[in-house]
């Protein structure tokens, strides 16, 4: 798991340079579990402040997150999204909020394939990028990035 986290952080740093944007970026780290998908959502506080100010959002972060984060089947059926914990952290000298989120597919839907919907910051901060990574014991990988206007990313577990 430590190797996966190191890889995710390396990819996030490398990709942020590739997008030539000096502001901190968001990172979504996905882990496929037997009955759900666990996601760690890292959102830089500075960028979140711009997004929530423009939206006049004074909700606690967990409630705000549920307004801007979703998962669904490829045919559009919603998954259940639950925020399990939120805490402050730091990454590359920037303060972040880290949310631990559980995504559960509807009955009969595949756990291995879904669409991630995320515009936590990008709906207001148009140059913000969200990196999406899959963590696996042996094979962590970069799944894609979201930047306005794109807010949907097809996820496939091809372990």
Protein backbone atom coordinates (compact mmCIF):
# COMPACT_ATOMS: atom_id res chain seq x y z
CA UNK A 1 0.00 0.00 0.00
CA UNK A 2 2.89 2.39 0.77
CA UNK A 3 4.25 1.83 -2.74
CA UNK A 4 0.82 2.67 -4.15
CA UNK A 5 0.62 5.91 -2.21
CA UNK A 6 4.15 6.88 -3.27
CA UNK A 7 3.25 6.16 -6.90
CA UNK A 8 0.04 8.20 -6.62
CA UNK A 9 1.89 11.17 -5.17
CA UNK A 10 4.59 10.91 -7.85
CA UNK A 11 1.95 10.82 -10.60
CA UNK A 12 0.10 13.77 -9.12
CA UNK A 13 3.25 15.86 -8.99
CA UNK A 14 4.31 14.85 -12.49
CA UNK A 15 0.89 15.44 -14.00
CA UNK A 16 0.47 18.82 -12.34
CA UNK A 17 3.65 19.96 -14.10
CA UNK A 18 2.38 18.52 -17.39
CA UNK A 19 -0.73 20.68 -17.16
CA UNK A 20 1.50 23.76 -16.55
CA UNK A 21 -0.63 25.00 -13.71
CA UNK A 22 1.18 26.08 -10.55
CA UNK A 23 -1.83 25.96 -8.23
CA UNK A 24 -2.34 22.72 -6.30
CA UNK A 25 -4.54 20.10 -7.93
CA UNK A 26 -7.09 17.65 -6.56
CA UNK A 27 -6.35 13.94 -6.39
CA UNK A 28 -8.82 11.07 -6.28
CA UNK A 29 -7.34 7.73 -5.26
CA UNK A 30 -9.62 4.75 -5.91
CA UNK A 31 -9.34 1.30 -4.37
CA UNK A 32 -11.64 -1.55 -5.44
CA UNK A 33 -12.89 -3.57 -2.46
CA UNK A 34 -15.05 -6.73 -2.50
CA UNK A 35 -18.41 -4.89 -2.18
CA UNK A 36 -17.63 -1.22 -2.73
CA UNK A 37 -15.05 1.25 -3.96
CA UNK A 38 -13.09 3.29 -1.44
CA UNK A 39 -11.98 6.72 -2.61
CA UNK A 40 -9.66 9.21 -0.97
CA UNK A 41 -10.45 12.69 -2.24
CA UNK A 42 -7.68 15.27 -1.72
CA UNK A 43 -8.87 18.83 -2.33
CA UNK A 44 -6.56 21.82 -1.87
CA UNK A 45 -8.08 24.28 0.58
CA UNK A 46 -7.01 27.32 -1.46
CA UNK A 47 -8.79 26.13 -4.60
CA UNK A 48 -11.83 24.98 -2.61
CA UNK A 49 -12.10 28.46 -1.11
CA UNK A 50 -12.45 29.96 -4.61
CA UNK A 51 -15.09 27.39 -5.59
CA UNK A 52 -17.19 27.75 -2.46
CA UNK A 53 -16.96 31.57 -2.44
CA UNK A 54 -18.27 31.75 -6.00
CA UNK A 55 -21.10 29.40 -5.06
CA UNK A 56 -21.77 31.09 -1.69
CA UNK A 57 -21.51 27.64 -0.11
CA UNK A 58 -21.19 27.63 3.66
CA UNK A 59 -21.93 23.93 4.09
CA UNK A 60 -19.63 21.60 5.99
CA UNK A 61 -17.18 20.04 3.53
CA UNK A 62 -18.81 16.57 3.67
CA UNK A 63 -22.19 18.00 2.62
CA UNK A 64 -20.62 20.21 -0.04
CA UNK A 65 -18.71 17.20 -1.37
CA UNK A 66 -21.92 15.18 -1.76
CA UNK A 67 -23.34 17.98 -3.94
CA UNK A 68 -20.38 17.78 -6.32
CA UNK A 69 -19.26 14.15 -6.30
CA UNK A 70 -21.15 11.13 -7.61
CA UNK A 71 -20.74 7.72 -9.14
CA UNK A 72 -23.09 5.98 -11.54
CA UNK A 73 -23.36 3.05 -13.88
CA UNK A 74 -22.60 3.63 -17.56
CA UNK A 75 -26.38 3.83 -18.12
CA UNK A 76 -26.74 6.59 -15.51
CA UNK A 77 -28.04 4.69 -12.46
CA UNK A 78 -26.71 6.33 -9.29
CA UNK A 79 -24.38 4.59 -6.87
CA UNK A 80 -24.60 5.30 -3.15
CA UNK A 81 -21.94 7.78 -2.02
CA UNK A 82 -21.10 8.11 1.67
CA UNK A 83 -18.48 10.36 3.22
CA UNK A 84 -16.88 8.31 6.02
CA UNK A 85 -14.36 10.85 7.33
CA UNK A 86 -12.86 14.26 6.61
CA UNK A 87 -9.59 15.60 7.96
CA UNK A 88 -6.99 18.24 7.25
CA UNK A 89 -3.65 17.24 5.77
CA UNK A 90 -0.72 18.76 3.86
CA UNK A 91 0.77 17.77 0.52
CA UNK A 92 3.62 19.55 -1.29
CA UNK A 93 3.49 22.41 1.24
CA UNK A 94 -0.23 23.07 0.62
CA UNK A 95 -3.10 22.50 3.05
CA UNK A 96 -5.66 19.99 1.78
CA UNK A 97 -8.89 18.45 2.95
CA UNK A 98 -8.87 14.67 2.74
CA UNK A 99 -12.22 12.92 2.52
CA UNK A 100 -12.60 9.17 2.80
CA UNK A 101 -15.57 8.19 0.66
CA UNK A 102 -17.33 4.88 0.07
CA UNK A 103 -18.99 4.28 -3.32
CA UNK A 104 -21.45 1.37 -3.48
CA UNK A 105 -23.03 0.16 -6.74
CA UNK A 106 -26.77 -0.42 -7.03
CA UNK A 107 -28.02 -4.01 -6.82
CA UNK A 108 -26.94 -6.01 -9.86
CA UNK A 109 -24.44 -3.42 -11.13
CA UNK A 110 -20.82 -4.30 -11.69
CA UNK A 111 -18.34 -3.08 -9.15
CA UNK A 112 -15.63 -3.14 -11.83
CA UNK A 113 -16.99 -0.39 -14.07
CA UNK A 114 -18.57 2.96 -13.28
CA UNK A 115 -18.56 6.64 -14.14
CA UNK A 116 -17.00 9.04 -11.63
CA UNK A 117 -18.61 12.48 -11.62
CA UNK A 118 -16.53 15.19 -9.94
CA UNK A 119 -16.74 18.97 -10.15
CA UNK A 120 -15.92 19.78 -6.52
CA UNK A 121 -13.64 22.63 -7.58
CA UNK A 122 -13.75 22.63 -11.40
CA UNK A 123 -17.32 23.94 -11.65
CA UNK A 124 -15.96 27.34 -10.57
CA UNK A 125 -12.17 27.14 -10.96
CA UNK A 126 -11.95 26.28 -14.65
CA UNK A 127 -8.18 25.66 -14.79
CA UNK A 128 -8.22 23.26 -11.82
CA UNK A 129 -7.35 19.63 -12.60
CA UNK A 130 -8.50 16.48 -10.80
CA UNK A 131 -6.11 13.53 -11.11
CA UNK A 132 -7.74 10.10 -10.78
CA UNK A 133 -5.59 7.13 -9.76
CA UNK A 134 -6.41 3.48 -9.09
CA UNK A 135 -4.54 1.93 -6.21
CA UNK A 136 -3.81 -1.76 -6.28
CA UNK A 137 -1.49 -3.94 -4.27
CA UNK A 138 0.69 -4.66 -7.27
CA UNK A 139 -0.37 -2.26 -10.01
CA UNK A 140 -1.28 1.36 -9.17
CA UNK A 141 -2.20 3.29 -12.31
CA UNK A 142 -3.26 6.68 -13.64
CA UNK A 143 -6.90 6.53 -14.82
CA UNK A 144 -7.32 10.01 -16.19
CA UNK A 145 -7.87 13.66 -15.34
CA UNK A 146 -10.88 15.93 -15.16
CA UNK A 147 -10.83 19.62 -16.03
CA UNK A 148 -13.71 21.94 -16.92
CA UNK A 149 -15.93 21.30 -18.81
CA UNK A 150 -15.30 17.57 -18.39
CA UNK A 151 -16.76 16.30 -15.13
CA UNK A 152 -17.29 12.61 -15.93
CA UNK A 153 -14.65 9.90 -16.19
CA UNK A 154 -15.33 6.26 -17.08
CA UNK A 155 -13.53 3.98 -14.62
CA UNK A 156 -12.60 0.37 -15.44
CA UNK A 157 -10.98 -1.99 -12.98
CA UNK A 158 -8.60 -3.91 -15.20
CA UNK A 159 -6.42 -5.34 -12.40
